[in-house]
């Protein structure tokens, strides 16, 4: 009777770090020889997404069902890029941002690595070998990775506008980029990288209070449609108690508020959260002081995006930008 192969327990931590991937060299280190690898692929228990790279998960990436699919897919693609170009490849640009845990990247972000000796290598499996001026690096999960400031400078000029803003918002929100550090990044990107002057305007819009990429996308759409939010994460109170917090808000001329919520992301991403949202939404609407619009992230993909729909409502109520000055203040519904 053929003995069923079990992955050595010593290999499991590495497999988890690399989103299920192993290089053939790593397999050899763990005693997983060529014949075993061939048998695992033949039995469809493993697959080989690239030469000398094995995927220990037999389910194709796009068919996997998991709550963190987008994060998992980003890490899978990043590790594939690194393993395709061997153990000395350096993660740069978007691949480096993934390993730093930065959100906001597109699903199919550019795959790139650099070589320690800056030698040119051919593109393999869509992974480009880039040549940058010398940049500082750190070690993450045993791999050499561009330091986060330089990784952002490398990646931002190659991203769509909405993703670039989402990345910048996330750097402020979760990665410690204060005003001074953001200014240094701006200098690094705009002044030193050809063709990136368009990013100047985006740096003016960065706001770490956007709690998810979808909120950043919606906010940019509102700016593009001439209706920048008066405030973000607006807190509504009754008798000094916060009863609700909404993603974006506009103070209308009659004293009421138009508020926008982006469902299915961040704090609104689970069925339990949506159930909990209902009572607070009822309190807001029952007050007679709030008009609420709710959108799904993919609403921003329609012509004009979320901003066009918000602009239609605001125009009907005579709203004008720049009139609200109490940014960050609580709104009393009592």
C-alpha atoms as a PDB file:
ATOM      1  CA  UNK A   1       0.000   0.000   0.000  1.00  0.00           C
ATOM      2  CA  UNK A   2       1.404   3.415  -1.009  1.00  0.00           C
ATOM      3  CA  UNK A   3       2.148   5.605   1.982  1.00  0.00           C
ATOM      4  CA  UNK A   4       0.375   8.969   1.822  1.00  0.00           C
ATOM      5  CA  UNK A   5       2.885  11.812   1.892  1.00  0.00           C
ATOM      6  CA  UNK A   6       2.546  14.311   4.712  1.00  0.00           C
ATOM      7  CA  UNK A   7       4.287  17.685   4.640  1.00  0.00           C
ATOM      8  CA  UNK A   8       7.034  17.752   7.305  1.00  0.00           C
ATOM      9  CA  UNK A   9       5.903  19.759  10.309  1.00  0.00           C
ATOM     10  CA  UNK A  10       9.130  21.757  10.132  1.00  0.00           C
ATOM     11  CA  UNK A  11       8.019  23.138   6.749  1.00  0.00           C
ATOM     12  CA  UNK A  12       4.573  24.305   7.859  1.00  0.00           C
ATOM     13  CA  UNK A  13       5.601  27.694   9.348  1.00  0.00           C
ATOM     14  CA  UNK A  14       7.387  28.621   6.121  1.00  0.00           C
ATOM     15  CA  UNK A  15       4.436  27.476   4.009  1.00  0.00           C
ATOM     16  CA  UNK A  16       2.092  29.654   6.083  1.00  0.00           C
ATOM     17  CA  UNK A  17       4.385  32.680   5.745  1.00  0.00           C
ATOM     18  CA  UNK A  18       4.597  32.188   1.983  1.00  0.00           C
ATOM     19  CA  UNK A  19       0.840  31.787   1.464  1.00  0.00           C
ATOM     20  CA  UNK A  20       1.162  28.087   0.657  1.00  0.00           C
ATOM     21  CA  UNK A  21       4.087  28.375  -1.767  1.00  0.00           C
ATOM     22  CA  UNK A  22       7.468  26.628  -1.700  1.00  0.00           C
ATOM     23  CA  UNK A  23      10.419  26.786  -4.046  1.00  0.00           C
ATOM     24  CA  UNK A  24      12.047  23.546  -5.182  1.00  0.00           C
ATOM     25  CA  UNK A  25      15.195  24.539  -3.264  1.00  0.00           C
ATOM     26  CA  UNK A  26      13.128  24.918  -0.093  1.00  0.00           C
ATOM     27  CA  UNK A  27      11.498  21.550  -0.765  1.00  0.00           C
ATOM     28  CA  UNK A  28      14.937  19.930  -0.971  1.00  0.00           C
ATOM     29  CA  UNK A  29      15.909  21.519   2.360  1.00  0.00           C
ATOM     30  CA  UNK A  30      12.891  19.858   3.985  1.00  0.00           C
ATOM     31  CA  UNK A  31      13.523  16.502   2.327  1.00  0.00           C
ATOM     32  CA  UNK A  32      10.731  16.811  -0.209  1.00  0.00           C
ATOM     33  CA  UNK A  33      12.489  15.326  -3.223  1.00  0.00           C
ATOM     34  CA  UNK A  34      11.731  15.489  -6.934  1.00  0.00           C
ATOM     35  CA  UNK A  35       9.767  12.242  -7.076  1.00  0.00           C
ATOM     36  CA  UNK A  36       7.523  13.284  -4.200  1.00  0.00           C
ATOM     37  CA  UNK A  37       6.885  16.646  -5.849  1.00  0.00           C
ATOM     38  CA  UNK A  38       6.013  14.998  -9.165  1.00  0.00           C
ATOM     39  CA  UNK A  39       3.640  12.608  -7.431  1.00  0.00           C
ATOM     40  CA  UNK A  40       1.909  15.401  -5.527  1.00  0.00           C
ATOM     41  CA  UNK A  41       1.347  17.340  -8.756  1.00  0.00           C
ATOM     42  CA  UNK A  42       0.166  14.228 -10.636  1.00  0.00           C
ATOM     43  CA  UNK A  43      -2.316  13.513  -7.853  1.00  0.00           C
ATOM     44  CA  UNK A  44      -3.455  17.175  -8.068  1.00  0.00           C
ATOM     45  CA  UNK A  45      -2.688  17.670  -4.406  1.00  0.00           C
ATOM     46  CA  UNK A  46      -0.162  20.355  -5.382  1.00  0.00           C
ATOM     47  CA  UNK A  47       0.255  22.559  -8.432  1.00  0.00           C
ATOM     48  CA  UNK A  48       3.165  24.366 -10.055  1.00  0.00           C
ATOM     49  CA  UNK A  49       2.224  27.984 -10.874  1.00  0.00           C
ATOM     50  CA  UNK A  50       5.754  28.684 -12.169  1.00  0.00           C
ATOM     51  CA  UNK A  51       8.933  26.796 -12.869  1.00  0.00           C
ATOM     52  CA  UNK A  52      10.636  25.718  -9.623  1.00  0.00           C
ATOM     53  CA  UNK A  53       7.670  26.932  -7.532  1.00  0.00           C
ATOM     54  CA  UNK A  54       5.072  24.649  -5.900  1.00  0.00           C
ATOM     55  CA  UNK A  55       1.684  25.566  -4.465  1.00  0.00           C
ATOM     56  CA  UNK A  56       0.698  23.252  -1.631  1.00  0.00           C
ATOM     57  CA  UNK A  57      -2.951  24.344  -1.922  1.00  0.00           C
ATOM     58  CA  UNK A  58      -4.603  22.424  -4.793  1.00  0.00           C
ATOM     59  CA  UNK A  59      -7.438  24.941  -5.142  1.00  0.00           C
ATOM     60  CA  UNK A  60      -6.694  27.609  -7.792  1.00  0.00           C
ATOM     61  CA  UNK A  61      -6.161  31.038  -6.271  1.00  0.00           C
ATOM     62  CA  UNK A  62      -9.249  32.632  -7.809  1.00  0.00           C
ATOM     63  CA  UNK A  63     -11.449  29.739  -6.606  1.00  0.00           C
ATOM     64  CA  UNK A  64     -10.441  29.883  -2.944  1.00  0.00           C
ATOM     65  CA  UNK A  65     -13.106  30.870  -0.460  1.00  0.00           C
ATOM     66  CA  UNK A  66     -11.848  32.827   2.530  1.00  0.00           C
ATOM     67  CA  UNK A  67     -12.756  36.056   4.309  1.00  0.00           C
ATOM     68  CA  UNK A  68      -9.304  37.548   3.700  1.00  0.00           C
ATOM     69  CA  UNK A  69      -9.123  36.577   0.021  1.00  0.00           C
ATOM     70  CA  UNK A  70      -7.796  39.919  -1.233  1.00  0.00           C
ATOM     71  CA  UNK A  71      -5.029  40.050   1.371  1.00  0.00           C
ATOM     72  CA  UNK A  72      -4.214  36.382   0.772  1.00  0.00           C
ATOM     73  CA  UNK A  73      -4.109  36.866  -3.010  1.00  0.00           C
ATOM     74  CA  UNK A  74      -1.796  39.868  -2.667  1.00  0.00           C
ATOM     75  CA  UNK A  75       0.608  37.939  -0.493  1.00  0.00           C
ATOM     76  CA  UNK A  76       0.426  34.863  -2.761  1.00  0.00           C
ATOM     77  CA  UNK A  77       1.320  36.933  -5.830  1.00  0.00           C
ATOM     78  CA  UNK A  78       4.127  38.681  -3.942  1.00  0.00           C
ATOM     79  CA  UNK A  79       5.679  35.421  -2.770  1.00  0.00           C
ATOM     80  CA  UNK A  80       5.376  33.980  -6.252  1.00  0.00           C
ATOM     81  CA  UNK A  81       7.315  36.974  -7.582  1.00  0.00           C
ATOM     82  CA  UNK A  82      10.070  36.473  -5.014  1.00  0.00           C
ATOM     83  CA  UNK A  83      10.339  32.706  -5.414  1.00  0.00           C
ATOM     84  CA  UNK A  84      10.411  32.922  -9.217  1.00  0.00           C
ATOM     85  CA  UNK A  85      13.546  35.045  -8.975  1.00  0.00           C
ATOM     86  CA  UNK A  86      15.315  32.957  -6.314  1.00  0.00           C
ATOM     87  CA  UNK A  87      16.365  33.653  -2.760  1.00  0.00           C
ATOM     88  CA  UNK A  88      18.325  36.862  -3.328  1.00  0.00           C
ATOM     89  CA  UNK A  89      15.513  38.792  -5.038  1.00  0.00           C
ATOM     90  CA  UNK A  90      14.552  42.012  -3.217  1.00  0.00           C
ATOM     91  CA  UNK A  91      10.875  42.949  -2.888  1.00  0.00           C
ATOM     92  CA  UNK A  92      10.298  46.465  -4.212  1.00  0.00           C
ATOM     93  CA  UNK A  93       7.346  48.695  -5.055  1.00  0.00           C
ATOM     94  CA  UNK A  94       3.932  47.120  -4.567  1.00  0.00           C
ATOM     95  CA  UNK A  95       5.411  43.746  -3.574  1.00  0.00           C
ATOM     96  CA  UNK A  96       7.289  45.446  -0.753  1.00  0.00           C
ATOM     97  CA  UNK A  97       4.161  47.322   0.363  1.00  0.00           C
ATOM     98  CA  UNK A  98       2.281  44.007   0.578  1.00  0.00           C
ATOM     99  CA  UNK A  99       4.915  42.566   2.907  1.00  0.00           C
ATOM    100  CA  UNK A 100       4.775  45.756   4.990  1.00  0.00           C
ATOM    101  CA  UNK A 101       1.014  45.189   5.342  1.00  0.00           C
ATOM    102  CA  UNK A 102      -0.080  48.302   3.433  1.00  0.00           C
ATOM    103  CA  UNK A 103      -3.628  48.242   2.028  1.00  0.00           C
ATOM    104  CA  UNK A 104      -5.154  50.067  -0.916  1.00  0.00           C
ATOM    105  CA  UNK A 105      -3.361  48.310  -3.782  1.00  0.00           C
ATOM    106  CA  UNK A 106      -5.312  47.112  -6.832  1.00  0.00           C
ATOM    107  CA  UNK A 107      -6.014  43.407  -7.196  1.00  0.00           C
ATOM    108  CA  UNK A 108      -3.553  43.026 -10.078  1.00  0.00           C
ATOM    109  CA  UNK A 109      -0.797  45.333  -8.865  1.00  0.00           C
ATOM    110  CA  UNK A 110       2.539  45.411 -10.747  1.00  0.00           C
ATOM    111  CA  UNK A 111       4.869  42.583  -9.701  1.00  0.00           C
ATOM    112  CA  UNK A 112       8.486  43.634  -9.408  1.00  0.00           C
ATOM    113  CA  UNK A 113      11.722  42.704  -7.664  1.00  0.00           C
ATOM    114  CA  UNK A 114      15.280  44.016  -7.711  1.00  0.00           C
ATOM    115  CA  UNK A 115      18.641  42.259  -7.686  1.00  0.00           C
ATOM    116  CA  UNK A 116      21.320  42.928  -5.040  1.00  0.00           C
ATOM    117  CA  UNK A 117      23.918  43.613  -7.750  1.00  0.00           C
ATOM    118  CA  UNK A 118      21.377  45.649  -9.795  1.00  0.00           C
ATOM    119  CA  UNK A 119      22.033  43.325 -12.719  1.00  0.00           C
ATOM    120  CA  UNK A 120      19.327  43.193 -15.400  1.00  0.00           C
ATOM    121  CA  UNK A 121      17.290  40.000 -15.642  1.00  0.00           C
ATOM    122  CA  UNK A 122      14.484  39.083 -17.982  1.00  0.00           C
ATOM    123  CA  UNK A 123      10.855  39.295 -16.963  1.00  0.00           C
ATOM    124  CA  UNK A 124       9.506  35.939 -15.819  1.00  0.00           C
ATOM    125  CA  UNK A 125       5.840  35.077 -15.277  1.00  0.00           C
ATOM    126  CA  UNK A 126       4.960  38.760 -15.372  1.00  0.00           C
ATOM    127  CA  UNK A 127       7.493  39.667 -12.669  1.00  0.00           C
ATOM    128  CA  UNK A 128       9.677  42.589 -13.762  1.00  0.00           C
ATOM    129  CA  UNK A 129      13.247  42.954 -12.524  1.00  0.00           C
ATOM    130  CA  UNK A 130      13.720  46.690 -11.898  1.00  0.00           C
ATOM    131  CA  UNK A 131      16.772  48.863 -11.370  1.00  0.00           C
ATOM    132  CA  UNK A 132      16.462  51.667  -8.825  1.00  0.00           C
ATOM    133  CA  UNK A 133      19.122  53.923  -7.324  1.00  0.00           C
ATOM    134  CA  UNK A 134      20.367  52.377  -4.037  1.00  0.00           C
ATOM    135  CA  UNK A 135      17.657  52.309  -1.366  1.00  0.00           C
ATOM    136  CA  UNK A 136      17.470  51.133   2.266  1.00  0.00           C
ATOM    137  CA  UNK A 137      16.030  47.701   3.018  1.00  0.00           C
ATOM    138  CA  UNK A 138      14.618  45.733   5.935  1.00  0.00           C
ATOM    139  CA  UNK A 139      14.079  42.016   6.512  1.00  0.00           C
ATOM    140  CA  UNK A 140      10.512  40.671   6.610  1.00  0.00           C
ATOM    141  CA  UNK A 141       9.759  36.946   6.883  1.00  0.00           C
ATOM    142  CA  UNK A 142      13.360  36.189   6.015  1.00  0.00           C
ATOM    143  CA  UNK A 143      13.372  38.221   2.785  1.00  0.00           C
ATOM    144  CA  UNK A 144      15.023  41.514   1.876  1.00  0.00           C
ATOM    145  CA  UNK A 145      12.383  44.178   1.338  1.00  0.00           C
ATOM    146  CA  UNK A 146      12.568  47.860   0.387  1.00  0.00           C
ATOM    147  CA  UNK A 147      12.034  50.069   3.422  1.00  0.00           C
ATOM    148  CA  UNK A 148       8.425  51.286   3.519  1.00  0.00           C
ATOM    149  CA  UNK A 149       9.062  54.932   2.550  1.00  0.00           C
ATOM    150  CA  UNK A 150      11.090  53.916  -0.497  1.00  0.00           C
ATOM    151  CA  UNK A 151       8.673  51.111  -1.354  1.00  0.00           C
ATOM    152  CA  UNK A 152       5.862  53.676  -1.442  1.00  0.00           C
ATOM    153  CA  UNK A 153       7.954  56.027  -3.577  1.00  0.00           C
ATOM    154  CA  UNK A 154       8.613  53.185  -6.004  1.00  0.00           C
ATOM    155  CA  UNK A 155       4.979  52.047  -6.155  1.00  0.00           C
ATOM    156  CA  UNK A 156       2.874  55.223  -6.131  1.00  0.00           C
ATOM    157  CA  UNK A 157       3.690  56.531  -9.640  1.00  0.00           C
ATOM    158  CA  UNK A 158       2.612  53.167 -11.102  1.00  0.00           C
ATOM    159  CA  UNK A 159      -0.816  53.075  -9.434  1.00  0.00           C
ATOM    160  CA  UNK A 160      -4.219  54.417 -10.513  1.00  0.00           C
ATOM    161  CA  UNK A 161      -5.158  57.640  -8.690  1.00  0.00           C
ATOM    162  CA  UNK A 162      -7.713  56.060  -6.376  1.00  0.00           C
ATOM    163  CA  UNK A 163      -5.323  53.297  -5.306  1.00  0.00           C
ATOM    164  CA  UNK A 164      -2.499  55.786  -4.773  1.00  0.00           C
ATOM    165  CA  UNK A 165      -4.711  57.856  -2.446  1.00  0.00           C
ATOM    166  CA  UNK A 166      -5.849  54.732  -0.579  1.00  0.00           C
ATOM    167  CA  UNK A 167      -2.215  53.699  -0.040  1.00  0.00           C
ATOM    168  CA  UNK A 168      -1.311  57.173   1.230  1.00  0.00           C
ATOM    169  CA  UNK A 169      -4.321  57.215   3.571  1.00  0.00           C
ATOM    170  CA  UNK A 170      -3.292  53.824   4.944  1.00  0.00           C
ATOM    171  CA  UNK A 171       0.307  54.946   5.507  1.00  0.00           C
ATOM    172  CA  UNK A 172      -1.048  57.746   7.696  1.00  0.00           C
ATOM    173  CA  UNK A 173      -3.752  55.675   9.383  1.00  0.00           C
ATOM    174  CA  UNK A 174      -1.789  52.524  10.292  1.00  0.00           C
ATOM    175  CA  UNK A 175       1.896  53.001   9.564  1.00  0.00           C
ATOM    176  CA  UNK A 176       2.912  56.076  11.500  1.00  0.00           C
ATOM    177  CA  UNK A 177       3.262  58.619   8.706  1.00  0.00           C
ATOM    178  CA  UNK A 178       2.834  62.021  10.336  1.00  0.00           C
ATOM    179  CA  UNK A 179       2.865  65.359   8.494  1.00  0.00           C
ATOM    180  CA  UNK A 180       6.662  65.569   8.422  1.00  0.00           C
ATOM    181  CA  UNK A 181       7.165  62.021   7.183  1.00  0.00           C
ATOM    182  CA  UNK A 182       4.474  62.469   4.561  1.00  0.00           C
ATOM    183  CA  UNK A 183       6.251  65.582   3.340  1.00  0.00           C
ATOM    184  CA  UNK A 184       9.496  63.611   3.057  1.00  0.00           C
ATOM    185  CA  UNK A 185       7.695  60.941   1.035  1.00  0.00           C
ATOM    186  CA  UNK A 186       6.231  63.626  -1.198  1.00  0.00           C
ATOM    187  CA  UNK A 187       9.709  64.971  -1.850  1.00  0.00           C
ATOM    188  CA  UNK A 188      10.963  61.469  -2.565  1.00  0.00           C
ATOM    189  CA  UNK A 189       8.147  60.762  -5.027  1.00  0.00           C
ATOM    190  CA  UNK A 190       7.326  64.008  -6.798  1.00  0.00           C
ATOM    191  CA  UNK A 191      10.714  65.687  -7.000  1.00  0.00           C
ATOM    192  CA  UNK A 192      12.857  62.659  -7.757  1.00  0.00           C
ATOM    193  CA  UNK A 193      10.728  60.452  -9.989  1.00  0.00           C
ATOM    194  CA  UNK A 194       9.968  61.415 -13.572  1.00  0.00           C
ATOM    195  CA  UNK A 195       6.318  61.511 -14.550  1.00  0.00           C
ATOM    196  CA  UNK A 196       4.947  61.641 -10.998  1.00  0.00           C
ATOM    197  CA  UNK A 197       3.993  65.316 -10.747  1.00  0.00           C
ATOM    198  CA  UNK A 198       0.305  64.316 -10.884  1.00  0.00           C
ATOM    199  CA  UNK A 199       0.718  62.882  -7.404  1.00  0.00           C
ATOM    200  CA  UNK A 200       1.176  66.386  -5.993  1.00  0.00           C
ATOM    201  CA  UNK A 201      -2.565  66.982  -5.936  1.00  0.00           C
ATOM    202  CA  UNK A 202      -3.217  63.645  -4.227  1.00  0.00           C
ATOM    203  CA  UNK A 203      -0.927  64.486  -1.323  1.00  0.00           C
ATOM    204  CA  UNK A 204      -3.221  67.444  -0.592  1.00  0.00           C
ATOM    205  CA  UNK A 205      -6.132  65.034  -0.135  1.00  0.00           C
ATOM    206  CA  UNK A 206      -4.493  62.492   2.189  1.00  0.00           C
ATOM    207  CA  UNK A 207      -6.541  61.848   5.305  1.00  0.00           C
ATOM    208  CA  UNK A 208      -5.853  59.026   7.727  1.00  0.00           C
ATOM    209  CA  UNK A 209      -9.438  59.139   8.976  1.00  0.00           C
ATOM    210  CA  UNK A 210     -10.593  57.204   5.910  1.00  0.00           C
ATOM    211  CA  UNK A 211     -10.889  53.771   7.482  1.00  0.00           C
ATOM    212  CA  UNK A 212     -10.683  51.603   4.374  1.00  0.00           C
ATOM    213  CA  UNK A 213      -9.580  51.764   0.731  1.00  0.00           C
ATOM    214  CA  UNK A 214     -13.261  51.855  -0.330  1.00  0.00           C
ATOM    215  CA  UNK A 215     -13.765  54.996   1.757  1.00  0.00           C
ATOM    216  CA  UNK A 216     -10.697  56.561   0.153  1.00  0.00           C
ATOM    217  CA  UNK A 217     -12.036  55.683  -3.312  1.00  0.00           C
ATOM    218  CA  UNK A 218     -15.438  57.221  -2.510  1.00  0.00           C
ATOM    219  CA  UNK A 219     -13.873  60.366  -1.038  1.00  0.00           C
ATOM    220  CA  UNK A 220     -11.742  60.893  -4.147  1.00  0.00           C
ATOM    221  CA  UNK A 221     -14.855  60.487  -6.300  1.00  0.00           C
ATOM    222  CA  UNK A 222     -16.557  63.172  -4.225  1.00  0.00           C
ATOM    223  CA  UNK A 223     -13.585  65.528  -4.682  1.00  0.00           C
ATOM    224  CA  UNK A 224     -13.596  64.855  -8.437  1.00  0.00           C
ATOM    225  CA  UNK A 225     -17.305  65.737  -8.567  1.00  0.00           C
ATOM    226  CA  UNK A 226     -16.814  68.989  -6.673  1.00  0.00           C
ATOM    227  CA  UNK A 227     -18.359  67.835  -3.377  1.00  0.00           C
ATOM    228  CA  UNK A 228     -15.503  67.177  -0.928  1.00  0.00           C
ATOM    229  CA  UNK A 229     -16.861  65.944   2.423  1.00  0.00           C
ATOM    230  CA  UNK A 230     -17.237  68.568   5.123  1.00  0.00           C
ATOM    231  CA  UNK A 231     -16.019  65.999   7.654  1.00  0.00           C
ATOM    232  CA  UNK A 232     -15.070  62.331   8.031  1.00  0.00           C
ATOM    233  CA  UNK A 233     -16.065  59.876  10.763  1.00  0.00           C
ATOM    234  CA  UNK A 234     -18.691  62.330  11.964  1.00  0.00           C
ATOM    235  CA  UNK A 235     -19.887  61.540  15.499  1.00  0.00           C
ATOM    236  CA  UNK A 236     -23.534  62.193  16.373  1.00  0.00           C
ATOM    237  CA  UNK A 237     -24.490  62.479  20.031  1.00  0.00           C
ATOM    238  CA  UNK A 238     -27.614  62.575  22.120  1.00  0.00           C
ATOM    239  CA  UNK A 239     -27.359  63.809  25.710  1.00  0.00           C
ATOM    240  CA  UNK A 240     -23.533  63.795  25.342  1.00  0.00           C
ATOM    241  CA  UNK A 241     -23.492  60.091  24.363  1.00  0.00           C
ATOM    242  CA  UNK A 242     -22.229  59.094  20.916  1.00  0.00           C
ATOM    243  CA  UNK A 243     -25.071  57.236  19.206  1.00  0.00           C
ATOM    244  CA  UNK A 244     -23.541  56.916  15.729  1.00  0.00           C
ATOM    245  CA  UNK A 245     -20.425  57.565  13.678  1.00  0.00           C
ATOM    246  CA  UNK A 246     -20.675  57.862   9.898  1.00  0.00           C
ATOM    247  CA  UNK A 247     -18.049  57.644   7.182  1.00  0.00           C
ATOM    248  CA  UNK A 248     -18.593  61.029   5.503  1.00  0.00           C
ATOM    249  CA  UNK A 249     -20.819  64.018   6.176  1.00  0.00           C
ATOM    250  CA  UNK A 250     -21.948  67.317   4.649  1.00  0.00           C
ATOM    251  CA  UNK A 251     -23.665  70.110   6.627  1.00  0.00           C
ATOM    252  CA  UNK A 252     -26.659  71.323   4.619  1.00  0.00           C
ATOM    253  CA  UNK A 253     -27.719  74.998   4.574  1.00  0.00           C
ATOM    254  CA  UNK A 254     -30.880  74.226   6.587  1.00  0.00           C
ATOM    255  CA  UNK A 255     -28.790  72.726   9.414  1.00  0.00           C
ATOM    256  CA  UNK A 256     -29.401  69.087   8.563  1.00  0.00           C
ATOM    257  CA  UNK A 257     -26.671  66.629   7.543  1.00  0.00           C
ATOM    258  CA  UNK A 258     -26.262  64.461   4.496  1.00  0.00           C
ATOM    259  CA  UNK A 259     -24.251  61.407   5.558  1.00  0.00           C
ATOM    260  CA  UNK A 260     -22.747  58.604   3.479  1.00  0.00           C
ATOM    261  CA  UNK A 261     -21.943  55.081   4.605  1.00  0.00           C
ATOM    262  CA  UNK A 262     -19.915  52.567   2.576  1.00  0.00           C
ATOM    263  CA  UNK A 263     -21.274  49.087   3.354  1.00  0.00           C
ATOM    264  CA  UNK A 264     -19.314  45.860   3.135  1.00  0.00           C
ATOM    265  CA  UNK A 265     -15.919  47.258   4.172  1.00  0.00           C
ATOM    266  CA  UNK A 266     -14.057  47.988   7.373  1.00  0.00           C
ATOM    267  CA  UNK A 267     -16.392  48.281  10.348  1.00  0.00           C
ATOM    268  CA  UNK A 268     -19.414  47.423   8.161  1.00  0.00           C
ATOM    269  CA  UNK A 269     -17.988  44.248   6.654  1.00  0.00           C
ATOM    270  CA  UNK A 270     -19.758  41.494   8.598  1.00  0.00           C
ATOM    271  CA  UNK A 271     -23.442  40.515   8.848  1.00  0.00           C
ATOM    272  CA  UNK A 272     -23.259  41.183  12.592  1.00  0.00           C
ATOM    273  CA  UNK A 273     -21.997  44.700  11.932  1.00  0.00           C
ATOM    274  CA  UNK A 274     -24.821  45.381   9.499  1.00  0.00           C
ATOM    275  CA  UNK A 275     -27.343  44.267  12.114  1.00  0.00           C
ATOM    276  CA  UNK A 276     -25.723  46.585  14.653  1.00  0.00           C
ATOM    277  CA  UNK A 277     -25.791  49.439  12.137  1.00  0.00           C
ATOM    278  CA  UNK A 278     -29.590  49.336  11.911  1.00  0.00           C
ATOM    279  CA  UNK A 279     -30.411  50.798  15.382  1.00  0.00           C
ATOM    280  CA  UNK A 280     -27.965  53.669  14.996  1.00  0.00           C
ATOM    281  CA  UNK A 281     -29.262  54.388  11.495  1.00  0.00           C
ATOM    282  CA  UNK A 282     -32.793  54.488  12.898  1.00  0.00           C
ATOM    283  CA  UNK A 283     -31.728  56.956  15.576  1.00  0.00           C
ATOM    284  CA  UNK A 284     -30.146  59.213  12.990  1.00  0.00           C
ATOM    285  CA  UNK A 285     -33.142  59.174  10.643  1.00  0.00           C
ATOM    286  CA  UNK A 286     -35.699  59.493  13.464  1.00  0.00           C
ATOM    287  CA  UNK A 287     -34.016  62.694  14.600  1.00  0.00           C
ATOM    288  CA  UNK A 288     -35.170  64.447  11.426  1.00  0.00           C
ATOM    289  CA  UNK A 289     -31.734  66.037  11.194  1.00  0.00           C
ATOM    290  CA  UNK A 290     -30.015  63.497   8.944  1.00  0.00           C
ATOM    291  CA  UNK A 291     -30.388  62.327   5.359  1.00  0.00           C
ATOM    292  CA  UNK A 292     -28.509  59.058   4.784  1.00  0.00           C
ATOM    293  CA  UNK A 293     -27.123  57.490   1.620  1.00  0.00           C
ATOM    294  CA  UNK A 294     -25.640  53.991   1.689  1.00  0.00           C
ATOM    295  CA  UNK A 295     -23.390  52.596  -1.034  1.00  0.00           C
ATOM    296  CA  UNK A 296     -21.527  49.417  -1.817  1.00  0.00           C
ATOM    297  CA  UNK A 297     -17.870  49.673  -2.886  1.00  0.00           C
ATOM    298  CA  UNK A 298     -18.645  48.647  -6.466  1.00  0.00           C
ATOM    299  CA  UNK A 299     -21.063  51.598  -6.794  1.00  0.00           C
ATOM    300  CA  UNK A 300     -17.932  53.670  -7.286  1.00  0.00           C
ATOM    301  CA  UNK A 301     -17.232  51.792 -10.524  1.00  0.00           C
ATOM    302  CA  UNK A 302     -20.326  53.226 -12.226  1.00  0.00           C
ATOM    303  CA  UNK A 303     -20.057  56.363 -14.406  1.00  0.00           C
ATOM    304  CA  UNK A 304     -19.321  59.343 -12.175  1.00  0.00           C
ATOM    305  CA  UNK A 305     -18.854  57.069  -9.184  1.00  0.00           C
ATOM    306  CA  UNK A 306     -20.354  57.663  -5.765  1.00  0.00           C
ATOM    307  CA  UNK A 307     -19.430  61.331  -5.969  1.00  0.00           C
ATOM    308  CA  UNK A 308     -21.839  61.975  -8.853  1.00  0.00           C
ATOM    309  CA  UNK A 309     -24.782  60.599  -6.852  1.00  0.00           C
ATOM    310  CA  UNK A 310     -23.794  62.598  -3.778  1.00  0.00           C
ATOM    311  CA  UNK A 311     -23.399  65.756  -5.876  1.00  0.00           C
ATOM    312  CA  UNK A 312     -26.948  65.396  -7.229  1.00  0.00           C
ATOM    313  CA  UNK A 313     -28.408  65.335  -3.704  1.00  0.00           C
ATOM    314  CA  UNK A 314     -26.212  68.145  -2.415  1.00  0.00           C
ATOM    315  CA  UNK A 315     -27.037  70.384  -5.369  1.00  0.00           C
ATOM    316  CA  UNK A 316     -30.758  69.904  -4.749  1.00  0.00           C
ATOM    317  CA  UNK A 317     -30.243  71.145  -1.183  1.00  0.00           C
ATOM    318  CA  UNK A 318     -28.136  74.170  -2.143  1.00  0.00           C
ATOM    319  CA  UNK A 319     -24.923  72.930  -0.492  1.00  0.00           C
ATOM    320  CA  UNK A 320     -21.690  74.774  -1.275  1.00  0.00           C
ATOM    321  CA  UNK A 321     -18.138  73.705  -0.364  1.00  0.00           C
ATOM    322  CA  UNK A 322     -16.004  75.470   2.203  1.00  0.00           C
ATOM    323  CA  UNK A 323     -18.760  76.692   4.510  1.00  0.00           C
ATOM    324  CA  UNK A 324     -18.304  74.178   7.335  1.00  0.00           C
ATOM    325  CA  UNK A 325     -15.521  75.035   9.783  1.00  0.00           C
ATOM    326  CA  UNK A 326     -16.139  72.749  12.782  1.00  0.00           C
ATOM    327  CA  UNK A 327     -14.176  69.749  11.431  1.00  0.00           C
ATOM    328  CA  UNK A 328     -13.902  67.003  14.038  1.00  0.00           C
ATOM    329  CA  UNK A 329     -16.654  68.408  16.274  1.00  0.00           C
ATOM    330  CA  UNK A 330     -19.475  66.219  17.526  1.00  0.00           C
ATOM    331  CA  UNK A 331     -22.982  66.864  16.230  1.00  0.00           C
ATOM    332  CA  UNK A 332     -25.655  67.071  18.937  1.00  0.00           C
ATOM    333  CA  UNK A 333     -29.018  65.520  18.041  1.00  0.00           C
ATOM    334  CA  UNK A 334     -30.686  66.393  21.349  1.00  0.00           C
END
